Amino acid sequence: MLLFLFLAGFVDAILTDTGISLGYFSESNPIMRMIHEESTTLFYSVKIALPMILLVLLWNKEKLNKMVSVMLFFSTGCYIGVMGIHLIWLYLVGFEEFARLLNQLVL
């Protein structure tokens, strides 16, 4: 799960930064928006580190509490949903951009 959270944070950071940089959307979290405006490197660091820190803080090495386990699986599901939305958005934007370029070439 640690590896998944690291990869999810990294992919989320890349997809979010890509969308912001292309001007298609803005970061809805005001704190993350401020961090992105200040430093892209810091933005990536925070996006990757926060899920890892959460997992370390919640992890009980001897026994994983059932409530914590449910919260981790819920958080993981939310992360998968967010990444799915990002991927769908990039696919749609990419297709739209490709269609626009193709129209320019044909016309």
Protein backbone atom coordinates (compact mmCIF):
# COMPACT_ATOMS: atom_id res chain seq x y z
CA MET A 1 0.00 0.00 0.00
CA LEU A 2 2.95 2.31 0.66
CA LEU A 3 4.15 1.92 -2.93
CA PHE A 4 0.63 2.57 -4.26
CA LEU A 5 0.28 5.76 -2.21
CA PHE A 6 3.67 6.98 -3.43
CA LEU A 7 2.77 6.28 -7.06
CA ALA A 8 -0.73 7.74 -6.65
CA GLY A 9 0.69 10.94 -5.18
CA PHE A 10 3.22 11.18 -7.99
CA VAL A 11 0.68 10.55 -10.76
CA ASP A 12 -1.79 12.97 -9.15
CA ALA A 13 0.92 15.64 -8.97
CA ILE A 14 1.87 15.17 -12.63
CA LEU A 15 -1.71 15.19 -13.90
CA THR A 16 -2.74 18.15 -11.75
CA ASP A 17 0.34 20.17 -12.73
CA THR A 18 -0.23 19.34 -16.40
CA GLY A 19 -3.83 20.56 -16.28
CA ILE A 20 -2.88 23.72 -14.43
CA SER A 21 0.09 24.45 -16.71
CA LEU A 22 -2.03 24.03 -19.83
CA GLY A 23 -4.62 26.39 -18.35
CA TYR A 24 -7.51 23.93 -18.52
CA PHE A 25 -8.31 24.03 -14.82
CA SER A 26 -7.04 25.37 -11.52
CA GLU A 27 -6.25 23.65 -8.26
CA SER A 28 -9.44 23.70 -6.19
CA ASN A 29 -7.64 23.30 -2.86
CA PRO A 30 -6.59 26.87 -1.90
CA ILE A 31 -3.53 25.71 0.07
CA MET A 32 -2.27 23.53 -2.78
CA ARG A 33 -3.03 26.36 -5.24
CA MET A 34 -0.84 28.71 -3.20
CA ILE A 35 1.93 26.09 -3.01
CA HIS A 36 1.76 25.51 -6.79
CA GLU A 37 1.99 29.23 -7.46
CA GLU A 38 5.00 29.48 -5.15
CA SER A 39 7.00 26.46 -6.33
CA THR A 40 6.26 23.53 -8.61
CA THR A 41 8.93 21.47 -6.84
CA LEU A 42 7.28 22.11 -3.48
CA PHE A 43 3.89 21.25 -5.02
CA TYR A 44 5.21 17.86 -6.18
CA SER A 45 6.87 17.24 -2.82
CA VAL A 46 3.70 17.94 -0.86
CA LYS A 47 1.46 15.95 -3.22
CA ILE A 48 3.75 12.94 -2.86
CA ALA A 49 4.59 13.30 0.83
CA LEU A 50 1.12 13.87 2.33
CA PRO A 51 -0.35 10.42 1.59
CA MET A 52 2.90 8.80 2.75
CA ILE A 53 2.88 10.76 6.01
CA LEU A 54 -0.77 9.83 6.58
CA LEU A 55 -0.01 6.16 6.11
CA VAL A 56 2.98 6.28 8.47
CA LEU A 57 0.95 8.10 11.14
CA LEU A 58 -1.97 5.69 10.91
CA TRP A 59 0.02 2.50 10.61
CA ASN A 60 0.15 0.28 13.69
CA LYS A 61 2.99 -2.19 13.13
CA GLU A 62 1.57 -4.80 15.49
CA LYS A 63 -2.09 -4.63 14.54
CA LEU A 64 -4.00 -2.51 12.06
CA ASN A 65 -7.15 -1.19 13.73
CA LYS A 66 -10.29 -2.01 11.73
CA MET A 67 -11.35 1.68 11.63
CA VAL A 68 -7.93 2.75 10.36
CA SER A 69 -8.02 -0.02 7.78
CA VAL A 70 -11.42 1.16 6.52
CA MET A 71 -10.16 4.76 6.38
CA LEU A 72 -7.07 3.72 4.40
CA PHE A 73 -9.13 1.73 1.90
CA PHE A 74 -11.60 4.62 1.56
CA SER A 75 -8.72 7.05 0.99
CA THR A 76 -7.19 4.71 -1.56
CA GLY A 77 -10.53 4.49 -3.37
CA CYS A 78 -10.82 8.28 -3.41
CA TYR A 79 -7.30 8.54 -4.82
CA ILE A 80 -8.17 6.08 -7.57
CA GLY A 81 -11.27 8.14 -8.36
CA VAL A 82 -9.33 11.39 -8.55
CA MET A 83 -6.70 9.84 -10.81
CA GLY A 84 -9.44 8.42 -13.01
CA ILE A 85 -11.01 11.85 -13.36
CA HIS A 86 -7.61 13.30 -14.26
CA LEU A 87 -7.01 10.62 -16.87
CA ILE A 88 -10.46 11.07 -18.42
CA TRP A 89 -9.93 14.83 -18.48
CA LEU A 90 -6.54 14.48 -20.16
CA TYR A 91 -7.98 12.05 -22.71
CA LEU A 92 -10.83 14.44 -23.55
CA VAL A 93 -8.59 17.50 -23.70
CA GLY A 94 -6.03 15.62 -25.75
CA PHE A 95 -8.66 14.46 -28.17
CA GLU A 96 -10.10 17.97 -28.41
CA GLU A 97 -6.65 19.43 -29.12
CA PHE A 98 -5.95 16.75 -31.71
CA ALA A 99 -9.29 17.41 -33.44
CA ARG A 100 -8.60 21.15 -33.52
CA LEU A 101 -5.17 20.64 -35.08
CA LEU A 102 -6.62 18.20 -37.60
CA ASN A 103 -9.33 20.72 -38.55
CA GLN A 104 -6.68 23.39 -39.12
CA LEU A 105 -4.74 21.07 -41.40
CA VAL A 106 -7.80 20.02 -43.40
CA LEU A 107 -9.29 23.50 -43.75
